[in-house]
């Protein structure tokens, strides 16, 4: 069983932080039409609900941006992942159709406003994940971004080092077509969608589209 620790450097500026955790055995595949239809429906809702300059005021996104500032990171330069998705949709740039696991995490992130760390559980080293703050000089390769300066970002670390931030997950533990065990962390630094609802949505999508079994869920609090 995985252990989770939220370190004092996160708890001090964000005492209400909660992490929704979903673990499951799954089958990954190219994204099918039914899941893509749900994603497009949510994208249309976002585009019709928010103006571009309003999206960073969504409660979950705004709370994450406040934490970035408290830790000394510019949230305009290092945008929250859920904000990135919503901005892309509002600007009419569309979304990339990727794999079932990536796209269902993106769907939950857009619907809830929370940045989500989607990890291949078999690539996570050790039995403990710790959320702390990125340090200068830490090596981190963001998915699709290359080297990323994570100093001042909230960061999940396993036994080998940093693997996920609310801006981008690291390539070392990312989903692949062969992923068959997932560890999904719904990072709630402030409340928008009730966290149990976001967890239930994640479970429903994993069950419907990724043949999920051996499901485990919990909420981590400081």
C-alpha atoms as a PDB file:
ATOM      1  CA  UNK A   1       0.000   0.000   0.000  1.00  0.00           C
ATOM      2  CA  UNK A   2       1.247   3.466  -0.870  1.00  0.00           C
ATOM      3  CA  UNK A   3       1.816   6.013   1.898  1.00  0.00           C
ATOM      4  CA  UNK A   4       1.248   9.733   1.353  1.00  0.00           C
ATOM      5  CA  UNK A   5       2.864  12.635   3.201  1.00  0.00           C
ATOM      6  CA  UNK A   6       2.063  16.340   2.809  1.00  0.00           C
ATOM      7  CA  UNK A   7       5.102  18.231   4.070  1.00  0.00           C
ATOM      8  CA  UNK A   8       4.981  21.364   6.297  1.00  0.00           C
ATOM      9  CA  UNK A   9       6.186  23.609   3.450  1.00  0.00           C
ATOM     10  CA  UNK A  10       2.880  22.874   1.693  1.00  0.00           C
ATOM     11  CA  UNK A  11       0.655  22.703   4.772  1.00  0.00           C
ATOM     12  CA  UNK A  12       1.762  26.096   6.099  1.00  0.00           C
ATOM     13  CA  UNK A  13       0.578  28.231   3.138  1.00  0.00           C
ATOM     14  CA  UNK A  14      -2.253  25.828   2.224  1.00  0.00           C
ATOM     15  CA  UNK A  15      -3.699  24.256   5.407  1.00  0.00           C
ATOM     16  CA  UNK A  16      -6.880  23.095   3.663  1.00  0.00           C
ATOM     17  CA  UNK A  17      -5.092  21.012   1.019  1.00  0.00           C
ATOM     18  CA  UNK A  18      -6.672  17.638   0.283  1.00  0.00           C
ATOM     19  CA  UNK A  19      -5.583  14.970  -2.163  1.00  0.00           C
ATOM     20  CA  UNK A  20      -8.020  12.561  -3.740  1.00  0.00           C
ATOM     21  CA  UNK A  21      -6.299   9.266  -4.522  1.00  0.00           C
ATOM     22  CA  UNK A  22      -7.502   6.646  -6.990  1.00  0.00           C
ATOM     23  CA  UNK A  23      -5.582   3.436  -7.662  1.00  0.00           C
ATOM     24  CA  UNK A  24      -6.671   0.693 -10.058  1.00  0.00           C
ATOM     25  CA  UNK A  25      -5.660  -2.047 -12.421  1.00  0.00           C
ATOM     26  CA  UNK A  26      -6.578  -0.874 -15.925  1.00  0.00           C
ATOM     27  CA  UNK A  27      -6.313  -1.473 -19.651  1.00  0.00           C
ATOM     28  CA  UNK A  28      -5.044   1.471 -21.697  1.00  0.00           C
ATOM     29  CA  UNK A  29      -5.999   1.951 -25.347  1.00  0.00           C
ATOM     30  CA  UNK A  30      -6.421   4.646 -27.992  1.00  0.00           C
ATOM     31  CA  UNK A  31      -9.245   6.962 -26.943  1.00  0.00           C
ATOM     32  CA  UNK A  32     -12.582   5.694 -28.200  1.00  0.00           C
ATOM     33  CA  UNK A  33     -15.448   7.752 -29.552  1.00  0.00           C
ATOM     34  CA  UNK A  34     -17.580   7.570 -26.393  1.00  0.00           C
ATOM     35  CA  UNK A  35     -14.879   8.984 -24.116  1.00  0.00           C
ATOM     36  CA  UNK A  36     -13.911  11.553 -26.728  1.00  0.00           C
ATOM     37  CA  UNK A  37     -17.555  12.604 -26.935  1.00  0.00           C
ATOM     38  CA  UNK A  38     -17.615  13.220 -23.176  1.00  0.00           C
ATOM     39  CA  UNK A  39     -14.417  15.229 -23.453  1.00  0.00           C
ATOM     40  CA  UNK A  40     -15.808  17.349 -26.280  1.00  0.00           C
ATOM     41  CA  UNK A  41     -19.023  17.967 -24.329  1.00  0.00           C
ATOM     42  CA  UNK A  42     -17.044  19.181 -21.323  1.00  0.00           C
ATOM     43  CA  UNK A  43     -14.831  21.328 -23.554  1.00  0.00           C
ATOM     44  CA  UNK A  44     -17.939  22.952 -25.047  1.00  0.00           C
ATOM     45  CA  UNK A  45     -19.265  23.639 -21.538  1.00  0.00           C
ATOM     46  CA  UNK A  46     -16.002  25.299 -20.529  1.00  0.00           C
ATOM     47  CA  UNK A  47     -15.922  27.423 -23.673  1.00  0.00           C
ATOM     48  CA  UNK A  48     -19.511  28.588 -23.234  1.00  0.00           C
ATOM     49  CA  UNK A  49     -19.099  29.307 -19.503  1.00  0.00           C
ATOM     50  CA  UNK A  50     -15.795  31.161 -19.212  1.00  0.00           C
ATOM     51  CA  UNK A  51     -13.994  33.992 -20.946  1.00  0.00           C
ATOM     52  CA  UNK A  52     -10.247  33.569 -21.339  1.00  0.00           C
ATOM     53  CA  UNK A  53      -9.394  36.090 -18.635  1.00  0.00           C
ATOM     54  CA  UNK A  54     -11.900  34.520 -16.230  1.00  0.00           C
ATOM     55  CA  UNK A  55     -10.576  30.975 -16.197  1.00  0.00           C
ATOM     56  CA  UNK A  56      -7.867  31.626 -13.604  1.00  0.00           C
ATOM     57  CA  UNK A  57     -10.634  32.712 -11.199  1.00  0.00           C
ATOM     58  CA  UNK A  58     -12.127  29.221 -11.052  1.00  0.00           C
ATOM     59  CA  UNK A  59     -11.801  28.341  -7.351  1.00  0.00           C
ATOM     60  CA  UNK A  60      -9.548  25.284  -7.800  1.00  0.00           C
ATOM     61  CA  UNK A  61      -7.286  27.061 -10.272  1.00  0.00           C
ATOM     62  CA  UNK A  62      -7.181  30.274  -8.239  1.00  0.00           C
ATOM     63  CA  UNK A  63      -6.235  28.342  -5.092  1.00  0.00           C
ATOM     64  CA  UNK A  64      -3.369  26.601  -6.877  1.00  0.00           C
ATOM     65  CA  UNK A  65      -2.145  29.908  -8.278  1.00  0.00           C
ATOM     66  CA  UNK A  66      -2.203  31.406  -4.765  1.00  0.00           C
ATOM     67  CA  UNK A  67      -0.048  28.550  -3.520  1.00  0.00           C
ATOM     68  CA  UNK A  68       2.418  29.124  -6.353  1.00  0.00           C
ATOM     69  CA  UNK A  69       2.741  32.770  -5.371  1.00  0.00           C
ATOM     70  CA  UNK A  70       3.164  31.867  -1.695  1.00  0.00           C
ATOM     71  CA  UNK A  71       6.023  29.554  -2.693  1.00  0.00           C
ATOM     72  CA  UNK A  72       7.628  32.214  -4.893  1.00  0.00           C
ATOM     73  CA  UNK A  73       6.588  30.821  -8.299  1.00  0.00           C
ATOM     74  CA  UNK A  74       4.972  32.904 -11.058  1.00  0.00           C
ATOM     75  CA  UNK A  75       1.657  31.189 -11.962  1.00  0.00           C
ATOM     76  CA  UNK A  76       1.491  33.196 -15.181  1.00  0.00           C
ATOM     77  CA  UNK A  77       4.723  31.649 -16.415  1.00  0.00           C
ATOM     78  CA  UNK A  78       4.182  28.189 -14.917  1.00  0.00           C
ATOM     79  CA  UNK A  79       0.502  27.687 -15.550  1.00  0.00           C
ATOM     80  CA  UNK A  80      -1.564  25.163 -13.629  1.00  0.00           C
ATOM     81  CA  UNK A  81      -2.307  22.121 -15.824  1.00  0.00           C
ATOM     82  CA  UNK A  82      -6.101  22.455 -15.513  1.00  0.00           C
ATOM     83  CA  UNK A  83      -5.786  26.120 -16.455  1.00  0.00           C
ATOM     84  CA  UNK A  84      -3.694  25.174 -19.496  1.00  0.00           C
ATOM     85  CA  UNK A  85      -6.389  22.769 -20.693  1.00  0.00           C
ATOM     86  CA  UNK A  86      -9.209  25.250 -20.217  1.00  0.00           C
ATOM     87  CA  UNK A  87      -7.322  28.102 -21.893  1.00  0.00           C
ATOM     88  CA  UNK A  88      -6.638  25.903 -24.903  1.00  0.00           C
ATOM     89  CA  UNK A  89     -10.320  25.065 -25.250  1.00  0.00           C
ATOM     90  CA  UNK A  90     -11.491  28.665 -24.802  1.00  0.00           C
ATOM     91  CA  UNK A  91      -9.010  29.851 -27.435  1.00  0.00           C
ATOM     92  CA  UNK A  92     -10.468  27.346 -29.877  1.00  0.00           C
ATOM     93  CA  UNK A  93      -7.249  25.361 -30.238  1.00  0.00           C
ATOM     94  CA  UNK A  94      -8.898  22.044 -29.487  1.00  0.00           C
ATOM     95  CA  UNK A  95      -7.475  19.115 -27.566  1.00  0.00           C
ATOM     96  CA  UNK A  96      -5.151  16.346 -28.610  1.00  0.00           C
ATOM     97  CA  UNK A  97      -6.755  12.909 -28.826  1.00  0.00           C
ATOM     98  CA  UNK A  98      -4.266  10.704 -27.024  1.00  0.00           C
ATOM     99  CA  UNK A  99      -4.933   7.561 -24.975  1.00  0.00           C
ATOM    100  CA  UNK A 100      -7.794   6.557 -22.728  1.00  0.00           C
ATOM    101  CA  UNK A 101      -5.883   7.166 -19.486  1.00  0.00           C
ATOM    102  CA  UNK A 102      -4.526  10.567 -20.502  1.00  0.00           C
ATOM    103  CA  UNK A 103      -7.830  11.793 -21.883  1.00  0.00           C
ATOM    104  CA  UNK A 104      -9.969  10.665 -18.956  1.00  0.00           C
ATOM    105  CA  UNK A 105      -7.599  12.440 -16.546  1.00  0.00           C
ATOM    106  CA  UNK A 106      -7.854  15.548 -18.729  1.00  0.00           C
ATOM    107  CA  UNK A 107     -11.641  15.271 -18.624  1.00  0.00           C
ATOM    108  CA  UNK A 108     -11.711  15.111 -14.819  1.00  0.00           C
ATOM    109  CA  UNK A 109      -9.258  18.006 -14.608  1.00  0.00           C
ATOM    110  CA  UNK A 110     -11.360  20.252 -16.839  1.00  0.00           C
ATOM    111  CA  UNK A 111     -14.612  19.304 -15.121  1.00  0.00           C
ATOM    112  CA  UNK A 112     -13.287  19.775 -11.583  1.00  0.00           C
ATOM    113  CA  UNK A 113     -10.684  22.518 -12.051  1.00  0.00           C
ATOM    114  CA  UNK A 114      -8.112  20.452 -10.140  1.00  0.00           C
ATOM    115  CA  UNK A 115      -4.620  19.721 -11.465  1.00  0.00           C
ATOM    116  CA  UNK A 116      -4.245  15.949 -11.512  1.00  0.00           C
ATOM    117  CA  UNK A 117      -1.127  13.810 -11.287  1.00  0.00           C
ATOM    118  CA  UNK A 118      -1.659  10.715 -13.422  1.00  0.00           C
ATOM    119  CA  UNK A 119       1.073   8.188 -12.674  1.00  0.00           C
ATOM    120  CA  UNK A 120       1.947   4.711 -13.873  1.00  0.00           C
ATOM    121  CA  UNK A 121       1.989   2.964 -10.494  1.00  0.00           C
ATOM    122  CA  UNK A 122       4.566   0.412 -11.645  1.00  0.00           C
ATOM    123  CA  UNK A 123       7.032   3.224 -12.369  1.00  0.00           C
ATOM    124  CA  UNK A 124       6.724   4.845  -8.932  1.00  0.00           C
ATOM    125  CA  UNK A 125       9.747   3.989  -6.772  1.00  0.00           C
ATOM    126  CA  UNK A 126       9.234   2.942  -3.159  1.00  0.00           C
ATOM    127  CA  UNK A 127       6.102   2.897  -1.039  1.00  0.00           C
ATOM    128  CA  UNK A 128       5.810   6.587  -0.121  1.00  0.00           C
ATOM    129  CA  UNK A 129       4.859   9.721  -2.035  1.00  0.00           C
ATOM    130  CA  UNK A 130       5.712  13.035  -0.415  1.00  0.00           C
ATOM    131  CA  UNK A 131       4.321  16.401  -1.486  1.00  0.00           C
ATOM    132  CA  UNK A 132       6.878  19.122  -0.864  1.00  0.00           C
ATOM    133  CA  UNK A 133       8.399  22.059  -2.721  1.00  0.00           C
ATOM    134  CA  UNK A 134      10.744  21.886  -5.690  1.00  0.00           C
ATOM    135  CA  UNK A 135      14.374  22.828  -5.117  1.00  0.00           C
ATOM    136  CA  UNK A 136      16.917  24.545  -7.348  1.00  0.00           C
ATOM    137  CA  UNK A 137      18.840  22.138  -9.533  1.00  0.00           C
ATOM    138  CA  UNK A 138      16.450  19.193  -9.313  1.00  0.00           C
ATOM    139  CA  UNK A 139      16.318  17.303 -12.594  1.00  0.00           C
ATOM    140  CA  UNK A 140      12.800  17.202 -13.996  1.00  0.00           C
ATOM    141  CA  UNK A 141      11.571  16.504 -17.515  1.00  0.00           C
ATOM    142  CA  UNK A 142       7.981  17.638 -17.933  1.00  0.00           C
ATOM    143  CA  UNK A 143       5.831  15.652 -20.341  1.00  0.00           C
ATOM    144  CA  UNK A 144       6.027  17.397 -23.696  1.00  0.00           C
ATOM    145  CA  UNK A 145       7.981  20.277 -22.133  1.00  0.00           C
ATOM    146  CA  UNK A 146      11.504  18.977 -21.637  1.00  0.00           C
ATOM    147  CA  UNK A 147      13.587  20.302 -18.755  1.00  0.00           C
ATOM    148  CA  UNK A 148      11.391  22.206 -16.307  1.00  0.00           C
ATOM    149  CA  UNK A 149      12.579  24.396 -13.439  1.00  0.00           C
ATOM    150  CA  UNK A 150      10.458  23.090 -10.567  1.00  0.00           C
ATOM    151  CA  UNK A 151      12.032  25.239  -7.855  1.00  0.00           C
ATOM    152  CA  UNK A 152       9.134  26.756  -5.915  1.00  0.00           C
ATOM    153  CA  UNK A 153       6.496  24.439  -7.370  1.00  0.00           C
ATOM    154  CA  UNK A 154       4.502  21.980  -5.268  1.00  0.00           C
ATOM    155  CA  UNK A 155       5.979  18.587  -6.157  1.00  0.00           C
ATOM    156  CA  UNK A 156       5.317  14.921  -5.516  1.00  0.00           C
ATOM    157  CA  UNK A 157       8.485  12.884  -4.856  1.00  0.00           C
ATOM    158  CA  UNK A 158       8.987   9.151  -4.745  1.00  0.00           C
ATOM    159  CA  UNK A 159      12.108   7.329  -3.529  1.00  0.00           C
ATOM    160  CA  UNK A 160      14.098   8.494  -6.569  1.00  0.00           C
ATOM    161  CA  UNK A 161      13.013  12.125  -6.717  1.00  0.00           C
ATOM    162  CA  UNK A 162      10.368  14.436  -8.184  1.00  0.00           C
ATOM    163  CA  UNK A 163       7.697  12.900 -10.402  1.00  0.00           C
ATOM    164  CA  UNK A 164       4.740  15.302 -10.573  1.00  0.00           C
ATOM    165  CA  UNK A 165       3.792  18.967 -10.199  1.00  0.00           C
ATOM    166  CA  UNK A 166       0.468  20.758 -10.791  1.00  0.00           C
ATOM    167  CA  UNK A 167       2.039  22.248 -13.937  1.00  0.00           C
ATOM    168  CA  UNK A 168       3.289  19.045 -15.561  1.00  0.00           C
ATOM    169  CA  UNK A 169       4.022  15.458 -14.607  1.00  0.00           C
ATOM    170  CA  UNK A 170       7.498  14.044 -15.182  1.00  0.00           C
ATOM    171  CA  UNK A 171       8.232  11.685 -18.072  1.00  0.00           C
ATOM    172  CA  UNK A 172       9.650   9.008 -15.756  1.00  0.00           C
ATOM    173  CA  UNK A 173       6.272   7.952 -14.354  1.00  0.00           C
ATOM    174  CA  UNK A 174       3.947   8.963 -17.182  1.00  0.00           C
ATOM    175  CA  UNK A 175       1.248   6.760 -18.680  1.00  0.00           C
ATOM    176  CA  UNK A 176       2.221   4.633 -21.681  1.00  0.00           C
ATOM    177  CA  UNK A 177       0.215   2.313 -23.947  1.00  0.00           C
ATOM    178  CA  UNK A 178       1.406  -0.532 -21.703  1.00  0.00           C
ATOM    179  CA  UNK A 179       0.304   1.008 -18.389  1.00  0.00           C
ATOM    180  CA  UNK A 180      -1.821  -1.448 -16.417  1.00  0.00           C
ATOM    181  CA  UNK A 181      -1.767   0.049 -12.915  1.00  0.00           C
ATOM    182  CA  UNK A 182      -2.577   3.691 -12.229  1.00  0.00           C
ATOM    183  CA  UNK A 183      -2.046   6.029  -9.310  1.00  0.00           C
ATOM    184  CA  UNK A 184      -4.081   9.198  -9.771  1.00  0.00           C
ATOM    185  CA  UNK A 185      -3.728  12.123  -7.349  1.00  0.00           C
ATOM    186  CA  UNK A 186      -6.409  14.821  -7.560  1.00  0.00           C
ATOM    187  CA  UNK A 187      -4.605  17.828  -6.090  1.00  0.00           C
ATOM    188  CA  UNK A 188      -7.164  20.028  -4.338  1.00  0.00           C
ATOM    189  CA  UNK A 189      -5.481  23.128  -2.937  1.00  0.00           C
ATOM    190  CA  UNK A 190      -8.876  24.781  -2.631  1.00  0.00           C
ATOM    191  CA  UNK A 191     -12.411  23.467  -3.068  1.00  0.00           C
ATOM    192  CA  UNK A 192     -14.387  23.605  -6.298  1.00  0.00           C
ATOM    193  CA  UNK A 193     -16.066  20.330  -7.239  1.00  0.00           C
ATOM    194  CA  UNK A 194     -16.495  18.370  -3.978  1.00  0.00           C
ATOM    195  CA  UNK A 195     -13.520  16.025  -3.846  1.00  0.00           C
ATOM    196  CA  UNK A 196     -15.617  12.841  -3.381  1.00  0.00           C
ATOM    197  CA  UNK A 197     -17.495  13.818  -6.550  1.00  0.00           C
ATOM    198  CA  UNK A 198     -14.218  14.217  -8.472  1.00  0.00           C
ATOM    199  CA  UNK A 199     -13.066  10.824  -7.189  1.00  0.00           C
ATOM    200  CA  UNK A 200     -16.367   9.212  -8.199  1.00  0.00           C
ATOM    201  CA  UNK A 201     -16.106  10.730 -11.676  1.00  0.00           C
ATOM    202  CA  UNK A 202     -12.589   9.337 -12.027  1.00  0.00           C
ATOM    203  CA  UNK A 203     -13.718   5.885 -10.897  1.00  0.00           C
ATOM    204  CA  UNK A 204     -16.678   5.930 -13.280  1.00  0.00           C
ATOM    205  CA  UNK A 205     -14.488   6.872 -16.255  1.00  0.00           C
ATOM    206  CA  UNK A 206     -11.846   4.268 -15.374  1.00  0.00           C
ATOM    207  CA  UNK A 207     -14.559   1.617 -15.071  1.00  0.00           C
ATOM    208  CA  UNK A 208     -16.389   2.602 -18.251  1.00  0.00           C
ATOM    209  CA  UNK A 209     -13.390   3.124 -20.511  1.00  0.00           C
ATOM    210  CA  UNK A 210     -10.343   1.420 -18.978  1.00  0.00           C
ATOM    211  CA  UNK A 211     -11.863  -1.800 -17.610  1.00  0.00           C
ATOM    212  CA  UNK A 212     -10.765  -0.845 -14.088  1.00  0.00           C
ATOM    213  CA  UNK A 213     -10.551  -3.473 -11.373  1.00  0.00           C
ATOM    214  CA  UNK A 214      -8.956  -3.586  -7.914  1.00  0.00           C
ATOM    215  CA  UNK A 215     -10.106  -0.035  -7.295  1.00  0.00           C
ATOM    216  CA  UNK A 216      -8.929   1.812  -4.194  1.00  0.00           C
ATOM    217  CA  UNK A 217      -9.815   5.376  -3.237  1.00  0.00           C
ATOM    218  CA  UNK A 218      -9.032   7.644  -0.316  1.00  0.00           C
ATOM    219  CA  UNK A 219      -8.662  11.311   0.615  1.00  0.00           C
ATOM    220  CA  UNK A 220      -5.377  12.515   2.105  1.00  0.00           C
ATOM    221  CA  UNK A 221      -5.459  15.467   4.485  1.00  0.00           C
ATOM    222  CA  UNK A 222      -2.644  17.190   6.416  1.00  0.00           C
END
